Amino acid sequence: MKFEKKDALSLIIPVVIMAALTPLFPEKIPMQWGANGQVNWYLDRSLAFLLGLLPFVVYKLYQLKHPK
């Protein structure tokens, strides 16, 4: 599989956006709520930028599984 310019952009853009927005997030980000409305677990703000990588990783895994 070849790493192309559009792949680099699809990785860089979400990372830049998340890096810019991360300081605006609260210290703990609620990620899951129970049926009673209580938060079950939180994500630390320092790890939130990794969410920007998720679309790129999913896209690359899809390409590996379904080559053209």
Protein backbone atom coordinates (compact mmCIF):
# COMPACT_ATOMS: atom_id res chain seq x y z
CA MET A 1 0.00 0.00 0.00
CA LYS A 2 1.31 3.38 -1.00
CA PHE A 3 1.12 6.42 1.31
CA GLU A 4 -0.15 9.29 -0.84
CA LYS A 5 -0.44 13.05 -0.36
CA LYS A 6 -4.18 12.82 0.34
CA ASP A 7 -3.41 10.26 3.06
CA ALA A 8 -1.03 12.69 4.70
CA LEU A 9 -3.67 15.41 4.65
CA SER A 10 -6.29 13.08 6.07
CA LEU A 11 -3.93 12.42 8.97
CA ILE A 12 -2.59 15.92 9.52
CA ILE A 13 -5.87 17.86 9.42
CA PRO A 14 -7.64 15.96 12.25
CA VAL A 15 -4.50 16.02 14.39
CA VAL A 16 -4.12 19.79 13.98
CA ILE A 17 -7.79 20.38 14.78
CA MET A 18 -7.67 18.21 17.88
CA ALA A 19 -4.40 19.80 19.04
CA ALA A 20 -5.99 23.24 18.70
CA LEU A 21 -9.18 22.24 20.53
CA THR A 22 -7.67 20.09 23.30
CA PRO A 23 -6.85 23.04 25.63
CA LEU A 24 -10.52 24.08 25.46
CA PHE A 25 -11.76 20.71 26.75
CA PRO A 26 -12.51 20.11 30.44
CA GLU A 27 -9.99 18.08 32.47
CA LYS A 28 -12.20 14.98 32.27
CA ILE A 29 -14.37 14.31 29.23
CA PRO A 30 -17.44 12.11 29.86
CA MET A 31 -17.45 9.23 27.38
CA GLN A 32 -20.21 6.86 28.52
CA TRP A 33 -23.43 7.29 30.45
CA GLY A 34 -25.46 4.62 32.19
CA ALA A 35 -29.23 4.14 31.98
CA ASN A 36 -29.63 6.26 35.12
CA GLY A 37 -27.83 9.23 33.52
CA GLN A 38 -24.64 8.88 35.55
CA VAL A 39 -21.28 8.98 33.79
CA ASN A 40 -19.63 5.54 33.79
CA TRP A 41 -16.17 6.59 32.61
CA TYR A 42 -14.18 9.64 31.62
CA LEU A 43 -11.38 10.28 29.15
CA ASP A 44 -8.48 12.41 30.33
CA ARG A 45 -8.05 15.61 28.32
CA SER A 46 -4.43 14.75 27.52
CA LEU A 47 -5.58 11.67 25.55
CA ALA A 48 -8.41 13.40 23.68
CA PHE A 49 -6.22 14.32 20.71
CA LEU A 50 -6.05 10.62 19.86
CA LEU A 51 -9.71 10.81 18.86
CA GLY A 52 -8.59 12.86 15.87
CA LEU A 53 -6.58 9.89 14.63
CA LEU A 54 -9.50 7.48 14.78
CA PRO A 55 -11.04 8.29 11.35
CA PHE A 56 -7.64 7.90 9.65
CA VAL A 57 -6.96 4.56 11.32
CA VAL A 58 -10.40 3.21 10.44
CA TYR A 59 -9.99 4.35 6.83
CA LYS A 60 -6.57 2.71 6.51
CA LEU A 61 -7.82 -0.54 8.03
CA TYR A 62 -10.71 -0.55 5.58
CA GLN A 63 -8.27 -0.06 2.70
CA LEU A 64 -6.18 -2.98 3.90
CA LYS A 65 -9.19 -5.25 4.09
CA HIS A 66 -10.75 -4.12 0.80
CA PRO A 67 -7.97 -3.32 -1.69
CA LYS A 68 -8.99 -1.89 -5.06
